[in-house]
Amino acid sequence: MPVKSAILLCHMDYNWASLYPLYFECKPKTILAILHLPREAYVERYHNLIHVYTCPFDLISVSVGADVKKVETEAVPCTQLSMTFFDRLYSEGIVRDTGHIAKCYDEVYEDFTIADKLRQVLLLEDSDDYEIFNKADREEFLFRIFKHLCLGGAFCQYEDMIDVYLDITKTIYKELVSVQKDPRTKLISIVSTVFKVTAYDDYGICYPSTTEHEQTFAYLIVDAIKRHVHVFYHSFGGGLFTDPCD
């Protein structure tokens, strides 16, 4: 079956068209986007799958189950190298010296019950403490992981201690993001590129879910040096075996 549409993530000097004979008999009918990476990689829509390639042979597939007409990608900043990024939660009184998260009177915001100052910081723009993380901070992939974990799913039970959230955020971030050390300066830098991906069919959004939500997301973390791609995905309200298009 021929390719219907594709997002290409490739080196700006690379002849990406030469890659197609390796996998397909014909070229895609529609190139939806071309994104420049440090080295060759691309994300491809084939029948009811999204394929993520880091050339020449690595492949992962994400079931979409729909005839995708458009794919939107957002480049996500990924520059943080230390968990000291979250030290301000202590200095601003969001978290006690003991690690306990400061409580507040319960209030409901959309699908979330806000019962502590941490969730006020994450969700309420009119909160006195919201500005401890500015807009650029909130765009960072490290912050996004932390926020997604803190807000949780539809039946999430919140933790009282901040260490639980910080520890799992650090673990996931280190697992998803690749770094390298400059042999001359000994400085460490991040080599992964992160994209947030949304796909649409004739009826609207179809991936990562048919319903938009704060906690519904799909991130592609591309390590072009190792030729590897991670997918960090969640659909709010969906069970473990729920089809991402339901």
Protein backbone atom coordinates (compact mmCIF):
# COMPACT_ATOMS: atom_id res chain seq x y z
CA MET A 1 0.00 0.00 0.00
CA PRO A 2 1.47 3.39 -0.92
CA VAL A 3 2.35 6.01 1.63
CA LYS A 4 -0.38 8.67 1.91
CA SER A 5 1.32 11.38 3.92
CA ALA A 6 4.46 11.96 5.93
CA ILE A 7 6.36 14.22 8.25
CA LEU A 8 10.04 14.19 7.48
CA LEU A 9 12.64 14.94 10.13
CA CYS A 10 15.96 15.12 8.34
CA HIS A 11 19.31 16.79 8.08
CA MET A 12 18.93 19.94 5.99
CA ASP A 13 21.69 18.78 3.63
CA TYR A 14 20.48 15.19 3.35
CA ASN A 15 18.75 13.83 0.26
CA TRP A 16 15.80 12.34 2.13
CA ALA A 17 14.08 11.17 -1.08
CA SER A 18 16.83 8.60 -1.55
CA LEU A 19 15.64 6.81 1.59
CA TYR A 20 12.30 5.70 0.18
CA PRO A 21 13.52 2.82 -2.01
CA LEU A 22 14.70 1.15 1.19
CA TYR A 23 11.10 0.80 2.42
CA PHE A 24 8.50 1.66 -0.23
CA GLU A 25 7.76 1.24 -3.89
CA CYS A 26 6.49 4.78 -4.31
CA LYS A 27 6.86 8.19 -2.72
CA PRO A 28 4.22 9.70 -0.43
CA LYS A 29 1.46 11.73 -2.01
CA THR A 30 1.73 14.49 0.57
CA ILE A 31 4.71 15.77 2.51
CA LEU A 32 3.14 17.41 5.55
CA ALA A 33 6.24 18.95 7.07
CA ILE A 34 10.01 18.89 6.94
CA LEU A 35 11.87 19.46 10.22
CA HIS A 36 15.63 19.81 10.38
CA LEU A 37 17.54 17.61 12.82
CA PRO A 38 21.24 17.32 13.62
CA ARG A 39 21.22 14.01 11.69
CA GLU A 40 18.79 12.00 9.58
CA ALA A 41 15.47 10.83 10.99
CA TYR A 42 11.86 10.99 9.99
CA VAL A 43 8.31 10.28 11.12
CA GLU A 44 6.03 8.67 8.59
CA ARG A 45 2.30 8.01 8.18
CA TYR A 46 1.72 4.67 6.43
CA HIS A 47 -1.87 3.31 6.16
CA ASN A 48 -3.09 3.41 9.80
CA LEU A 49 0.34 3.72 11.38
CA ILE A 50 2.74 6.51 12.23
CA HIS A 51 6.27 5.24 11.69
CA VAL A 52 9.27 6.90 13.30
CA TYR A 53 12.55 6.19 11.52
CA THR A 54 16.07 7.11 12.43
CA CYS A 55 17.83 6.08 9.28
CA PRO A 56 18.76 3.70 8.00
CA PHE A 57 16.94 0.82 9.72
CA ASP A 58 15.49 1.66 13.15
CA LEU A 59 11.69 1.74 13.35
CA ILE A 60 8.88 2.19 15.84
CA SER A 61 5.17 2.35 14.96
CA VAL A 62 2.25 4.05 16.70
CA SER A 63 -1.23 2.86 15.78
CA VAL A 64 -3.48 5.71 14.67
CA GLY A 65 -6.44 3.82 13.21
CA ALA A 66 -7.52 6.72 11.02
CA ASP A 67 -6.80 8.26 7.64
CA VAL A 68 -4.59 11.11 8.77
CA LYS A 69 -5.01 14.33 6.79
CA LYS A 70 -2.76 16.66 8.77
CA VAL A 71 -0.03 16.36 11.37
CA GLU A 72 1.09 19.22 13.61
CA THR A 73 4.47 19.18 15.32
CA GLU A 74 5.72 21.47 18.06
CA ALA A 75 9.42 21.68 18.82
CA VAL A 76 9.76 21.41 22.60
CA PRO A 77 12.70 23.12 24.34
CA CYS A 78 14.93 20.62 26.12
CA THR A 79 17.89 22.37 27.75
CA GLN A 80 17.75 21.57 31.46
CA LEU A 81 20.62 19.49 32.87
CA SER A 82 19.85 19.64 36.59
CA MET A 83 16.94 19.10 38.96
CA THR A 84 17.92 22.33 40.72
CA PHE A 85 15.40 23.75 38.24
CA PHE A 86 12.77 22.87 40.88
CA ASP A 87 14.58 24.33 43.93
CA ARG A 88 12.28 27.35 43.77
CA LEU A 89 9.43 25.15 45.01
CA TYR A 90 11.21 25.14 48.38
CA SER A 91 12.36 28.76 48.41
CA GLU A 92 8.87 30.02 47.49
CA GLY A 93 7.08 27.98 50.16
CA ILE A 94 5.29 25.59 47.81
CA VAL A 95 7.09 22.74 49.54
CA ARG A 96 8.10 22.63 53.24
CA ASP A 97 11.67 21.95 54.32
CA THR A 98 10.48 18.46 55.27
CA GLY A 99 9.44 17.80 51.67
CA HIS A 100 5.71 18.04 52.42
CA ILE A 101 3.67 19.87 49.78
CA ALA A 102 1.85 22.87 51.29
CA LYS A 103 -1.93 22.39 51.38
CA CYS A 104 -4.72 24.82 50.45
CA TYR A 105 -8.51 24.87 50.43
CA ASP A 106 -9.95 22.52 47.84
CA GLU A 107 -11.16 23.93 44.55
CA VAL A 108 -12.01 22.34 41.20
CA TYR A 109 -10.33 23.41 37.99
CA GLU A 110 -11.62 21.61 34.90
CA ASP A 111 -11.01 17.89 35.62
CA PHE A 112 -8.64 18.49 38.54
CA THR A 113 -9.18 18.93 42.26
CA ILE A 114 -6.64 21.44 43.55
CA ALA A 115 -5.86 20.66 47.17
CA ASP A 116 -2.33 22.00 47.49
CA LYS A 117 -0.11 24.88 46.41
CA LEU A 118 1.80 22.73 43.93
CA ARG A 119 -1.25 22.25 41.73
CA GLN A 120 -2.04 25.94 42.08
CA VAL A 121 1.39 26.68 40.61
CA LEU A 122 0.84 24.18 37.80
CA LEU A 123 -2.70 25.16 36.80
CA LEU A 124 -3.98 28.50 38.12
CA GLU A 125 -2.67 31.53 36.24
CA ASP A 126 -4.25 33.86 38.79
CA SER A 127 -2.42 32.14 41.66
CA ASP A 128 0.04 34.32 43.60
CA ASP A 129 2.76 31.72 43.01
CA TYR A 130 2.12 30.94 39.33
CA GLU A 131 4.91 33.25 38.15
CA ILE A 132 7.67 31.35 39.97
CA PHE A 133 7.91 29.47 36.65
CA ASN A 134 7.82 31.83 33.68
CA LYS A 135 6.56 30.98 30.20
CA ALA A 136 9.94 29.75 29.01
CA ASP A 137 10.31 27.52 32.08
CA ARG A 138 6.92 25.95 31.43
CA GLU A 139 7.82 25.13 27.83
CA GLU A 140 10.81 23.03 28.93
CA PHE A 141 10.43 19.27 28.46
CA LEU A 142 11.59 18.69 32.05
CA PHE A 143 8.80 20.90 33.39
CA ARG A 144 6.23 19.23 31.13
CA ILE A 145 7.15 15.77 32.43
CA PHE A 146 6.93 17.01 36.02
CA LYS A 147 3.56 18.66 35.42
CA HIS A 148 2.10 15.62 33.66
CA LEU A 149 3.19 13.36 36.51
CA CYS A 150 1.85 15.69 39.21
CA LEU A 151 -1.56 16.06 37.55
CA GLY A 152 -1.87 12.36 36.74
CA GLY A 153 -4.81 10.52 35.24
CA ALA A 154 -8.54 10.53 35.83
CA PHE A 155 -8.28 8.43 39.01
CA CYS A 156 -4.94 9.75 40.28
CA GLN A 157 -4.34 9.91 44.04
CA TYR A 158 -2.00 12.80 44.78
CA GLU A 159 1.17 12.42 46.84
CA ASP A 160 1.87 14.46 49.98
CA MET A 161 5.66 14.49 49.51
CA ILE A 162 7.44 16.24 46.64
CA ASP A 163 10.29 13.70 46.47
CA VAL A 164 8.02 11.12 44.82
CA TYR A 165 7.32 13.46 41.89
CA LEU A 166 10.89 14.74 41.59
CA ASP A 167 12.43 11.27 41.67
CA ILE A 168 10.22 9.81 38.95
CA THR A 169 10.58 12.98 36.84
CA LYS A 170 14.36 12.64 37.01
CA THR A 171 14.22 8.94 36.16
CA ILE A 172 11.98 9.42 33.12
CA TYR A 173 13.92 12.46 31.89
CA LYS A 174 17.24 10.60 32.08
CA GLU A 175 15.70 7.62 30.29
CA LEU A 176 14.24 9.68 27.44
CA VAL A 177 16.89 12.37 26.89
CA SER A 178 20.43 11.71 25.68
CA VAL A 179 23.48 13.80 26.57
CA GLN A 180 27.10 13.91 25.51
CA LYS A 181 30.27 15.38 26.99
CA ASP A 182 32.54 17.61 24.97
CA PRO A 183 36.00 15.92 25.15
CA ARG A 184 37.72 19.30 25.07
CA THR A 185 35.63 21.43 27.45
CA LYS A 186 34.20 18.50 29.49
CA LEU A 187 30.83 20.27 29.35
CA ILE A 188 27.68 18.16 29.04
CA SER A 189 25.05 19.03 26.44
CA ILE A 190 21.71 17.55 25.40
CA VAL A 191 21.68 15.94 21.96
CA SER A 192 18.04 14.82 21.84
CA THR A 193 15.38 16.73 19.92
CA VAL A 194 11.83 16.71 21.30
CA PHE A 195 8.61 17.13 19.32
CA LYS A 196 5.00 17.18 20.45
CA VAL A 197 2.86 15.54 17.77
CA THR A 198 -0.85 15.86 17.00
CA ALA A 199 -2.58 14.14 14.06
CA TYR A 200 -5.93 14.99 12.44
CA ASP A 201 -8.35 13.12 10.18
CA ASP A 202 -11.50 14.38 8.40
CA TYR A 203 -13.32 14.69 11.73
CA GLY A 204 -10.66 16.53 13.71
CA ILE A 205 -7.97 15.37 16.09
CA CYS A 206 -7.33 11.60 16.07
CA TYR A 207 -3.95 11.22 17.79
CA PRO A 208 -2.97 11.05 20.61
CA SER A 209 -6.75 10.97 21.23
CA THR A 210 -9.96 12.21 19.68
CA THR A 211 -10.43 14.53 22.66
CA GLU A 212 -8.01 17.32 23.58
CA HIS A 213 -6.98 17.54 27.22
CA GLU A 214 -4.18 18.96 29.37
CA GLN A 215 -3.10 15.38 30.14
CA THR A 216 -3.39 13.95 26.63
CA PHE A 217 -0.07 14.16 24.81
CA ALA A 218 2.41 12.41 22.54
CA TYR A 219 6.07 13.44 22.52
CA LEU A 220 8.73 12.07 20.17
CA ILE A 221 12.24 12.26 21.62
CA VAL A 222 14.73 11.79 18.80
CA ASP A 223 18.35 10.82 19.40
CA ALA A 224 19.82 11.14 15.92
CA ILE A 225 23.30 10.10 17.06
CA LYS A 226 22.13 6.75 18.48
CA ARG A 227 19.45 6.58 15.76
CA HIS A 228 16.72 5.98 18.30
CA VAL A 229 13.30 7.48 19.03
CA HIS A 230 11.32 7.36 22.30
CA VAL A 231 7.56 7.97 22.46
CA PHE A 232 6.18 9.52 25.67
CA TYR A 233 2.39 9.19 25.45
CA HIS A 234 -0.75 9.44 27.59
CA SER A 235 -4.49 9.67 26.86
CA PHE A 236 -6.47 11.15 29.76
CA GLY A 237 -9.28 8.86 30.91
CA GLY A 238 -8.05 5.92 28.81
CA GLY A 239 -7.20 2.57 30.38
CA LEU A 240 -4.03 0.60 29.87
CA PHE A 241 -5.40 -1.22 26.84
CA THR A 242 -7.46 1.61 25.37
CA ASP A 243 -6.97 2.34 21.67
CA PRO A 244 -5.39 5.83 21.42
CA CYS A 245 -8.06 6.76 18.87
CA ASP A 246 -10.99 5.94 21.17
